[in-house]
PDB file of N, CA and C in Angstrom:
ATOM      1  N   MET A   1      24.499   0.787  29.402  1.00  0.00           N
ATOM      2  CA  MET A   1      24.653   1.092  27.771  1.00  0.00           C
ATOM      3  C   MET A   1      23.895  -0.127  27.098  1.00  0.00           C
ATOM      4  N   ASN A   2      23.367  -0.199  25.920  1.00  0.00           N
ATOM      5  CA  ASN A   2      23.497  -1.297  25.474  1.00  0.00           C
ATOM      6  C   ASN A   2      24.314  -1.848  24.675  1.00  0.00           C
ATOM      7  N   PRO A   3      24.845  -3.053  24.004  1.00  0.00           N
ATOM      8  CA  PRO A   3      25.289  -3.178  23.563  1.00  0.00           C
ATOM      9  C   PRO A   3      25.578  -3.865  22.218  1.00  0.00           C
ATOM     10  N   ILE A   4      24.406  -3.328  21.430  1.00  0.00           N
ATOM     11  CA  ILE A   4      24.714  -2.506  20.438  1.00  0.00           C
ATOM     12  C   ILE A   4      25.188  -1.472  20.068  1.00  0.00           C
ATOM     13  N   TYR A   5      24.058  -0.743  20.345  1.00  0.00           N
ATOM     14  CA  TYR A   5      24.637   0.926  20.660  1.00  0.00           C
ATOM     15  C   TYR A   5      26.377   0.724  20.951  1.00  0.00           C
ATOM     16  N   PHE A   6      27.085   0.462  21.854  1.00  0.00           N
ATOM     17  CA  PHE A   6      28.137  -0.408  21.837  1.00  0.00           C
ATOM     18  C   PHE A   6      29.470  -0.137  21.260  1.00  0.00           C
ATOM     19  N   LEU A   7      28.405  -1.624  20.099  1.00  0.00           N
ATOM     20  CA  LEU A   7      29.458  -2.063  18.838  1.00  0.00           C
ATOM     21  C   LEU A   7      28.770  -0.415  18.282  1.00  0.00           C
ATOM     22  N   LYS A   8      28.484  -0.617  17.469  1.00  0.00           N
ATOM     23  CA  LYS A   8      27.623   0.589  16.485  1.00  0.00           C
ATOM     24  C   LYS A   8      29.309   1.687  16.993  1.00  0.00           C
ATOM     25  N   GLU A   9      29.525   2.461  18.138  1.00  0.00           N
ATOM     26  CA  GLU A   9      30.202   2.700  17.978  1.00  0.00           C
ATOM     27  C   GLU A   9      32.321   2.834  18.428  1.00  0.00           C
ATOM     28  N   LEU A  10      32.257   1.070  19.335  1.00  0.00           N
ATOM     29  CA  LEU A  10      33.190   1.232  18.402  1.00  0.00           C
ATOM     30  C   LEU A  10      33.535   0.887  17.252  1.00  0.00           C
ATOM     31  N   PHE A  11      32.894   0.635  16.336  1.00  0.00           N
ATOM     32  CA  PHE A  11      32.319   0.443  14.620  1.00  0.00           C
ATOM     33  C   PHE A  11      33.190   1.458  14.138  1.00  0.00           C
ATOM     34  N   ASN A  12      32.442   2.371  14.099  1.00  0.00           N
ATOM     35  CA  ASN A  12      32.253   4.098  13.289  1.00  0.00           C
ATOM     36  C   ASN A  12      33.910   4.374  14.200  1.00  0.00           C
ATOM     37  N   THR A  13      34.002   5.086  15.236  1.00  0.00           N
ATOM     38  CA  THR A  13      35.032   4.763  15.732  1.00  0.00           C
ATOM     39  C   THR A  13      36.749   4.011  14.567  1.00  0.00           C
ATOM     40  N   TYR A  14      36.339   2.671  14.555  1.00  0.00           N
ATOM     41  CA  TYR A  14      37.585   2.046  13.961  1.00  0.00           C
ATOM     42  C   TYR A  14      37.780   2.630  12.705  1.00  0.00           C
ATOM     43  N   ARG A  15      36.944   2.703  12.381  1.00  0.00           N
ATOM     44  CA  ARG A  15      36.574   4.086  10.454  1.00  0.00           C
ATOM     45  C   ARG A  15      36.866   5.173  10.433  1.00  0.00           C
ATOM     46  N   LYS A  16      36.824   5.193  11.668  1.00  0.00           N
ATOM     47  CA  LYS A  16      37.376   6.631  11.037  1.00  0.00           C
ATOM     48  C   LYS A  16      36.170   7.765  10.939  1.00  0.00           C
ATOM     49  N   GLN A  17      34.975   7.287  10.872  1.00  0.00           N
ATOM     50  CA  GLN A  17      33.695   8.093  10.715  1.00  0.00           C
ATOM     51  C   GLN A  17      33.643   9.324  12.131  1.00  0.00           C
ATOM     52  N   GLU A  18      31.475  10.012  11.144  1.00  0.00           N
ATOM     53  CA  GLU A  18      31.839  10.572  12.472  1.00  0.00           C
ATOM     54  C   GLU A  18      31.064   9.614  13.256  1.00  0.00           C
ATOM     55  N   ARG A  19      29.919  10.262  13.598  1.00  0.00           N
ATOM     56  CA  ARG A  19      29.484   9.919  15.343  1.00  0.00           C
ATOM     57  C   ARG A  19      28.085   8.955  14.601  1.00  0.00           C
ATOM     58  N   TYR A  20      27.793   7.922  15.233  1.00  0.00           N
ATOM     59  CA  TYR A  20      26.852   8.012  14.553  1.00  0.00           C
ATOM     60  C   TYR A  20      25.015   8.287  15.065  1.00  0.00           C
ATOM     61  N   LYS A  21      24.470   9.314  14.150  1.00  0.00           N
ATOM     62  CA  LYS A  21      23.625  10.454  13.758  1.00  0.00           C
ATOM     63  C   LYS A  21      22.502   9.654  13.918  1.00  0.00           C
ATOM     64  N   ASP A  22      21.673   9.546  15.569  1.00  0.00           N
ATOM     65  CA  ASP A  22      20.124   8.789  15.400  1.00  0.00           C
ATOM     66  C   ASP A  22      18.864  10.245  14.541  1.00  0.00           C
ATOM     67  N   ARG A  23      18.432   9.006  13.507  1.00  0.00           N
ATOM     68  CA  ARG A  23      17.141   9.746  12.783  1.00  0.00           C
ATOM     69  C   ARG A  23      15.972   9.828  13.650  1.00  0.00           C
ATOM     70  N   GLN A  24      14.306  10.666  13.683  1.00  0.00           N
ATOM     71  CA  GLN A  24      13.700  10.524  14.266  1.00  0.00           C
ATOM     72  C   GLN A  24      13.062   9.734  13.376  1.00  0.00           C
ATOM     73  N   MET A  25      12.043   8.814  12.913  1.00  0.00           N
ATOM     74  CA  MET A  25      11.796   7.895  12.661  1.00  0.00           C
ATOM     75  C   MET A  25      10.079   8.660  12.248  1.00  0.00           C
ATOM     76  N   LYS A  26       9.182   8.205  10.772  1.00  0.00           N
ATOM     77  CA  LYS A  26       8.443   8.964  10.307  1.00  0.00           C
ATOM     78  C   LYS A  26       6.936   7.787  10.869  1.00  0.00           C
ATOM     79  N   ARG A  27       6.202   8.812  11.822  1.00  0.00           N
ATOM     80  CA  ARG A  27       4.797   8.178  11.704  1.00  0.00           C
ATOM     81  C   ARG A  27       4.504   7.386  10.777  1.00  0.00           C
ATOM     82  N   VAL A  28       3.661   6.113  10.955  1.00  0.00           N
ATOM     83  CA  VAL A  28       3.445   5.748   9.387  1.00  0.00           C
ATOM     84  C   VAL A  28       1.655   5.816   9.993  1.00  0.00           C
ATOM     85  N   PHE A  29       0.974   5.435  11.043  1.00  0.00           N
ATOM     86  CA  PHE A  29       0.352   4.670  11.207  1.00  0.00           C
ATOM     87  C   PHE A  29      -0.378   4.741  12.912  1.00  0.00           C
ATOM     88  N   GLN A  30      -0.298   4.990  13.425  1.00  0.00           N
ATOM     89  CA  GLN A  30      -0.873   4.852  14.896  1.00  0.00           C
ATOM     90  C   GLN A  30      -2.285   5.759  14.666  1.00  0.00           C
ATOM     91  N   TRP A  31      -3.364   5.053  15.238  1.00  0.00           N
ATOM     92  CA  TRP A  31      -3.894   4.395  15.420  1.00  0.00           C
ATOM     93  C   TRP A  31      -5.019   5.377  16.992  1.00  0.00           C
ATOM     94  N   ARG A  32      -4.261   4.875  18.125  1.00  0.00           N
ATOM     95  CA  ARG A  32      -4.421   6.614  18.976  1.00  0.00           C
ATOM     96  C   ARG A  32      -4.713   7.850  18.688  1.00  0.00           C
ATOM     97  N   ARG A  33      -3.182   7.317  17.423  1.00  0.00           N
ATOM     98  CA  ARG A  33      -2.872   9.444  17.389  1.00  0.00           C
ATOM     99  C   ARG A  33      -3.497  10.045  16.472  1.00  0.00           C
ATOM    100  N   TYR A  34      -4.327   9.025  15.443  1.00  0.00           N
ATOM    101  CA  TYR A  34      -6.211   9.797  14.761  1.00  0.00           C
ATOM    102  C   TYR A  34      -7.057  10.229  15.364  1.00  0.00           C
ATOM    103  N   LEU A  35      -7.310   9.297  16.434  1.00  0.00           N
ATOM    104  CA  LEU A  35      -8.510   9.852  17.284  1.00  0.00           C
ATOM    105  C   LEU A  35      -8.205  10.981  18.229  1.00  0.00           C
ATOM    106  N   GLY A  36      -7.098  11.622  18.276  1.00  0.00           N
ATOM    107  CA  GLY A  36      -7.541  13.186  17.602  1.00  0.00           C
ATOM    108  C   GLY A  36      -7.784  13.902  17.199  1.00  0.00           C
ATOM    109  N   TRP A  37      -9.190  13.661  16.519  1.00  0.00           N
ATOM    110  CA  TRP A  37      -8.115  14.583  15.057  1.00  0.00           C
ATOM    111  C   TRP A  37      -8.236  16.278  15.253  1.00  0.00           C
ATOM    112  N   LYS A  38      -9.222  16.516  15.926  1.00  0.00           N
ATOM    113  CA  LYS A  38      -8.380  18.481  15.469  1.00  0.00           C
ATOM    114  C   LYS A  38      -6.604  18.852  15.517  1.00  0.00           C
ATOM    115  N   GLU A  39      -5.941  17.584  16.031  1.00  0.00           N
ATOM    116  CA  GLU A  39      -4.264  17.987  16.881  1.00  0.00           C
ATOM    117  C   GLU A  39      -3.859  17.459  15.536  1.00  0.00           C
ATOM    118  N   LEU A  40      -4.301  17.006  14.677  1.00  0.00           N
ATOM    119  CA  LEU A  40      -3.124  16.933  13.643  1.00  0.00           C
ATOM    120  C   LEU A  40      -3.025  18.002  12.495  1.00  0.00           C
ATOM    121  N   SER A  41      -2.279  17.475  11.689  1.00  0.00           N
ATOM    122  CA  SER A  41      -1.968  18.275  10.671  1.00  0.00           C
ATOM    123  C   SER A  41      -2.832  18.188   9.641  1.00  0.00           C
ATOM    124  N   LYS A  42      -2.724  19.522   8.668  1.00  0.00           N
ATOM    125  CA  LYS A  42      -3.168  18.821   7.032  1.00  0.00           C
ATOM    126  C   LYS A  42      -2.520  18.037   6.413  1.00  0.00           C
ATOM    127  N   GLU A  43      -1.008  17.441   6.182  1.00  0.00           N
ATOM    128  CA  GLU A  43      -0.761  16.959   6.146  1.00  0.00           C
ATOM    129  C   GLU A  43      -1.073  15.308   6.682  1.00  0.00           C
ATOM    130  N   GLU A  44      -1.188  15.023   7.507  1.00  0.00           N
ATOM    131  CA  GLU A  44      -2.299  14.254   8.706  1.00  0.00           C
ATOM    132  C   GLU A  44      -3.145  13.094   8.260  1.00  0.00           C
ATOM    133  N   LYS A  45      -3.389  14.604   8.446  1.00  0.00           N
ATOM    134  CA  LYS A  45      -5.760  14.039   7.816  1.00  0.00           C
ATOM    135  C   LYS A  45      -5.507  13.812   6.822  1.00  0.00           C
ATOM    136  N   LEU A  46      -4.460  14.506   5.796  1.00  0.00           N
ATOM    137  CA  LEU A  46      -5.220  13.528   4.274  1.00  0.00           C
ATOM    138  C   LEU A  46      -4.282  12.537   4.745  1.00  0.00           C
ATOM    139  N   PHE A  47      -3.741  12.223   5.253  1.00  0.00           N
ATOM    140  CA  PHE A  47      -3.267  10.900   5.714  1.00  0.00           C
ATOM    141  C   PHE A  47      -4.197   9.428   5.197  1.00  0.00           C
ATOM    142  N   ALA A  48      -4.810  10.347   6.306  1.00  0.00           N
ATOM    143  CA  ALA A  48      -5.819   8.893   7.507  1.00  0.00           C
ATOM    144  C   ALA A  48      -7.240   9.061   6.292  1.00  0.00           C
ATOM    145  N   LYS A  49      -7.274  10.124   5.321  1.00  0.00           N
ATOM    146  CA  LYS A  49      -8.596  10.260   4.825  1.00  0.00           C
ATOM    147  C   LYS A  49      -8.198   9.334   3.329  1.00  0.00           C
ATOM    148  N   ARG A  50      -7.297   9.120   3.100  1.00  0.00           N
ATOM    149  CA  ARG A  50      -6.343   8.883   2.226  1.00  0.00           C
ATOM    150  C   ARG A  50      -6.824   7.194   2.466  1.00  0.00           C
ATOM    151  N   LEU A  51      -5.826   5.877   3.820  1.00  0.00           N
ATOM    152  CA  LEU A  51      -6.030   5.076   4.218  1.00  0.00           C
ATOM    153  C   LEU A  51      -7.642   4.395   4.703  1.00  0.00           C
ATOM    154  N   LEU A  52      -8.797   5.790   4.896  1.00  0.00           N
ATOM    155  CA  LEU A  52      -9.280   4.702   4.789  1.00  0.00           C
ATOM    156  C   LEU A  52     -10.880   4.981   3.984  1.00  0.00           C
ATOM    157  N   PHE A  53     -10.012   5.932   2.909  1.00  0.00           N
ATOM    158  CA  PHE A  53     -10.737   5.475   1.498  1.00  0.00           C
ATOM    159  C   PHE A  53      -9.992   4.358   1.090  1.00  0.00           C
ATOM    160  N   VAL A  54      -9.009   3.761   0.299  1.00  0.00           N
ATOM    161  CA  VAL A  54      -8.442   3.040  -0.089  1.00  0.00           C
ATOM    162  C   VAL A  54      -9.343   1.254   1.244  1.00  0.00           C
ATOM    163  N   LEU A  55      -9.287   1.207   2.634  1.00  0.00           N
ATOM    164  CA  LEU A  55     -10.849   0.344   3.075  1.00  0.00           C
ATOM    165  C   LEU A  55     -11.842   0.496   2.003  1.00  0.00           C
ATOM    166  N   ILE A  56     -11.923   1.522   2.300  1.00  0.00           N
ATOM    167  CA  ILE A  56     -13.466   1.608   1.626  1.00  0.00           C
ATOM    168  C   ILE A  56     -14.330   1.267   0.345  1.00  0.00           C
ATOM    169  N   ALA A  57     -12.846   1.703   0.034  1.00  0.00           N
ATOM    170  CA  ALA A  57     -13.011   0.393  -1.818  1.00  0.00           C
ATOM    171  C   ALA A  57     -12.147  -0.517  -2.385  1.00  0.00           C
ATOM    172  N   THR A  58     -12.114  -0.892  -1.274  1.00  0.00           N
ATOM    173  CA  THR A  58     -11.623  -2.583  -1.507  1.00  0.00           C
ATOM    174  C   THR A  58     -12.879  -3.042  -0.762  1.00  0.00           C
ATOM    175  N   TYR A  59     -13.554  -2.672  -0.162  1.00  0.00           N
ATOM    176  CA  TYR A  59     -14.515  -3.217   0.588  1.00  0.00           C
ATOM    177  C   TYR A  59     -15.604  -3.196  -0.815  1.00  0.00           C
ATOM    178  N   PHE A  60     -16.467  -2.520  -1.458  1.00  0.00           N
ATOM    179  CA  PHE A  60     -16.477  -2.449  -2.678  1.00  0.00           C
ATOM    180  C   PHE A  60     -16.394  -3.126  -3.781  1.00  0.00           C
ATOM    181  N   VAL A  61     -14.713  -3.430  -3.998  1.00  0.00           N
ATOM    182  CA  VAL A  61     -14.398  -3.811  -4.974  1.00  0.00           C
ATOM    183  C   VAL A  61     -14.595  -5.549  -5.074  1.00  0.00           C
ATOM    184  N   PHE A  62     -14.334  -5.821  -3.428  1.00  0.00           N
ATOM    185  CA  PHE A  62     -14.661  -7.190  -3.770  1.00  0.00           C
ATOM    186  C   PHE A  62     -15.115  -7.839  -3.045  1.00  0.00           C
ATOM    187  N   THR A  63     -16.733  -7.310  -2.928  1.00  0.00           N
ATOM    188  CA  THR A  63     -18.237  -6.524  -2.884  1.00  0.00           C
ATOM    189  C   THR A  63     -18.740  -7.565  -3.900  1.00  0.00           C
ATOM    190  N   PHE A  64     -18.299  -6.832  -4.916  1.00  0.00           N
ATOM    191  CA  PHE A  64     -18.749  -6.481  -5.761  1.00  0.00           C
ATOM    192  C   PHE A  64     -18.150  -8.004  -6.845  1.00  0.00           C
ATOM    193  N   LEU A  65     -17.141  -8.386  -6.720  1.00  0.00           N
ATOM    194  CA  LEU A  65     -16.463  -9.426  -6.967  1.00  0.00           C
ATOM    195  C   LEU A  65     -17.366 -10.799  -6.716  1.00  0.00           C
ATOM    196  N   ASN A  66     -17.274 -10.830  -5.325  1.00  0.00           N
ATOM    197  CA  ASN A  66     -18.153 -11.659  -4.664  1.00  0.00           C
ATOM    198  C   ASN A  66     -19.457 -12.397  -5.321  1.00  0.00           C
ATOM    199  N   GLN A  67     -20.008 -11.313  -5.758  1.00  0.00           N
ATOM    200  CA  GLN A  67     -21.582 -10.975  -6.581  1.00  0.00           C
ATOM    201  C   GLN A  67     -21.518 -11.753  -7.449  1.00  0.00           C
ATOM    202  N   HIS A  68     -20.653 -11.072  -8.115  1.00  0.00           N
ATOM    203  CA  HIS A  68     -20.689 -10.976  -9.673  1.00  0.00           C
ATOM    204  C   HIS A  68     -19.109 -12.165 -10.426  1.00  0.00           C
ATOM    205  N   SER A  69     -19.337 -12.516  -9.643  1.00  0.00           N
ATOM    206  CA  SER A  69     -17.965 -13.735  -9.366  1.00  0.00           C
ATOM    207  C   SER A  69     -18.449 -14.957 -11.180  1.00  0.00           C
ATOM    208  N   LEU A  70     -19.379 -14.971 -11.163  1.00  0.00           N
ATOM    209  CA  LEU A  70     -20.284 -15.726 -12.600  1.00  0.00           C
ATOM    210  C   LEU A  70     -20.020 -15.103 -14.228  1.00  0.00           C
ATOM    211  N   THR A  71     -20.792 -14.297 -13.862  1.00  0.00           N
ATOM    212  CA  THR A  71     -21.044 -13.565 -15.241  1.00  0.00           C
ATOM    213  C   THR A  71     -19.913 -13.302 -15.586  1.00  0.00           C
ATOM    214  N   LEU A  72     -18.812 -12.769 -15.080  1.00  0.00           N
ATOM    215  CA  LEU A  72     -17.310 -11.637 -15.347  1.00  0.00           C
ATOM    216  C   LEU A  72     -16.682 -13.351 -16.437  1.00  0.00           C
ATOM    217  N   VAL A  73     -16.793 -13.923 -15.377  1.00  0.00           N
ATOM    218  CA  VAL A  73     -16.162 -15.283 -15.821  1.00  0.00           C
ATOM    219  C   VAL A  73     -16.597 -15.965 -16.974  1.00  0.00           C
ATOM    220  N   PHE A  74     -17.855 -15.845 -17.822  1.00  0.00           N
ATOM    221  CA  PHE A  74     -19.171 -15.795 -18.750  1.00  0.00           C
ATOM    222  C   PHE A  74     -19.006 -14.670 -19.433  1.00  0.00           C
ATOM    223  N   LEU A  75     -19.143 -13.734 -19.057  1.00  0.00           N
ATOM    224  CA  LEU A  75     -18.087 -13.103 -20.041  1.00  0.00           C
ATOM    225  C   LEU A  75     -16.331 -12.576 -21.230  1.00  0.00           C
ATOM    226  N   ILE A  76     -16.274 -13.466 -19.824  1.00  0.00           N
ATOM    227  CA  ILE A  76     -14.784 -13.059 -20.378  1.00  0.00           C
ATOM    228  C   ILE A  76     -14.574 -14.782 -21.332  1.00  0.00           C
ATOM    229  N   CYS A  77     -15.073 -15.857 -20.907  1.00  0.00           N
ATOM    230  CA  CYS A  77     -15.004 -16.661 -21.264  1.00  0.00           C
ATOM    231  C   CYS A  77     -15.799 -16.649 -23.105  1.00  0.00           C
ATOM    232  N   LEU A  78     -16.887 -16.018 -23.864  1.00  0.00           N
ATOM    233  CA  LEU A  78     -17.257 -15.459 -24.849  1.00  0.00           C
ATOM    234  C   LEU A  78     -16.827 -14.700 -25.294  1.00  0.00           C
ATOM    235  N   TYR A  79     -15.519 -13.419 -24.774  1.00  0.00           N
ATOM    236  CA  TYR A  79     -14.297 -12.316 -25.379  1.00  0.00           C
ATOM    237  C   TYR A  79     -13.822 -13.420 -26.591  1.00  0.00           C
ATOM    238  N   PHE A  80     -13.418 -14.916 -25.417  1.00  0.00           N
ATOM    239  CA  PHE A  80     -11.786 -15.354 -25.682  1.00  0.00           C
ATOM    240  C   PHE A  80     -12.787 -16.484 -27.188  1.00  0.00           C
ATOM    241  N   LEU A  81     -14.321 -17.261 -26.637  1.00  0.00           N
ATOM    242  CA  LEU A  81     -14.575 -17.824 -27.542  1.00  0.00           C
ATOM    243  C   LEU A  81     -15.067 -17.037 -29.213  1.00  0.00           C
ATOM    244  N   TYR A  82     -15.591 -15.630 -29.362  1.00  0.00           N
ATOM    245  CA  TYR A  82     -15.536 -14.469 -30.312  1.00  0.00           C
ATOM    246  C   TYR A  82     -14.123 -14.389 -30.808  1.00  0.00           C
ATOM    247  N   LYS A  83     -13.480 -13.905 -29.885  1.00  0.00           N
ATOM    248  CA  LYS A  83     -11.405 -14.170 -30.357  1.00  0.00           C
ATOM    249  C   LYS A  83     -11.084 -15.182 -31.465  1.00  0.00           C
ATOM    250  N   LYS A  84     -11.597 -16.632 -31.056  1.00  0.00           N
ATOM    251  CA  LYS A  84     -11.366 -17.695 -31.188  1.00  0.00           C
ATOM    252  C   LYS A  84     -11.908 -17.659 -33.103  1.00  0.00           C
ATOM    253  N   PHE A  85     -13.449 -17.284 -32.793  1.00  0.00           N
ATOM    254  CA  PHE A  85     -13.814 -17.933 -33.884  1.00  0.00           C
ATOM    255  C   PHE A  85     -13.919 -16.634 -34.667  1.00  0.00           C
ATOM    256  N   GLU A  86     -12.671 -15.635 -35.033  1.00  0.00           N
ATOM    257  CA  GLU A  86     -13.152 -14.202 -35.404  1.00  0.00           C
ATOM    258  C   GLU A  86     -11.986 -14.712 -36.155  1.00  0.00           C
ATOM    259  N   LYS A  87     -10.649 -15.397 -35.789  1.00  0.00           N
ATOM    260  CA  LYS A  87      -9.562 -15.327 -36.406  1.00  0.00           C
ATOM    261  C   LYS A  87      -9.883 -15.299 -37.632  1.00  0.00           C
ATOM    262  N   GLY A  88     -10.441 -15.886 -38.936  1.00  0.00           N
ATOM    263  CA  GLY A  88     -10.836 -16.768 -39.724  1.00  0.00           C
ATOM    264  C   GLY A  88     -10.981 -16.650 -40.779  1.00  0.00           C
ATOM    265  N   LYS A  89     -12.322 -15.273 -40.505  1.00  0.00           N
ATOM    266  CA  LYS A  89     -12.407 -13.281 -41.328  1.00  0.00           C
ATOM    267  C   LYS A  89     -11.975 -13.217 -42.003  1.00  0.00           C
ATOM    268  N   LEU A  90     -11.660 -11.547 -43.257  1.00  0.00           N
ATOM    269  CA  LEU A  90     -11.323 -11.685 -44.054  1.00  0.00           C
ATOM    270  C   LEU A  90     -11.927 -10.357 -43.311  1.00  0.00           C
ATOM    271  N   MET A  91     -10.620  -9.087 -42.876  1.00  0.00           N
ATOM    272  CA  MET A  91     -11.387  -7.746 -42.569  1.00  0.00           C
ATOM    273  C   MET A  91     -10.685  -7.047 -43.189  1.00  0.00           C
ATOM    274  N   LYS A  92     -11.089  -5.491 -42.840  1.00  0.00           N
ATOM    275  CA  LYS A  92     -10.550  -4.206 -44.334  1.00  0.00           C
ATOM    276  C   LYS A  92      -9.722  -3.825 -44.366  1.00  0.00           C
TER     277      LYS A  92
END
């Protein structure tokens, strides 16, 4: 018998509560399970598609930022300069 399980049982009997009930753990992501695509349920297929979409989307975002980072920094600097010099003018 596992000592941790024994301690849980002892603690639960001491507090006079009902027995500890094991719950089934939810599968989060198991690569081997998703290789058998035809045996998956609709929810598992949807979860896998969403996960792959997020990975592909982050790849495109990082490549865009990597290629255009200097341009983005330049445009942000221009925006702040415009806001700084625009403060003193009258507005309608």
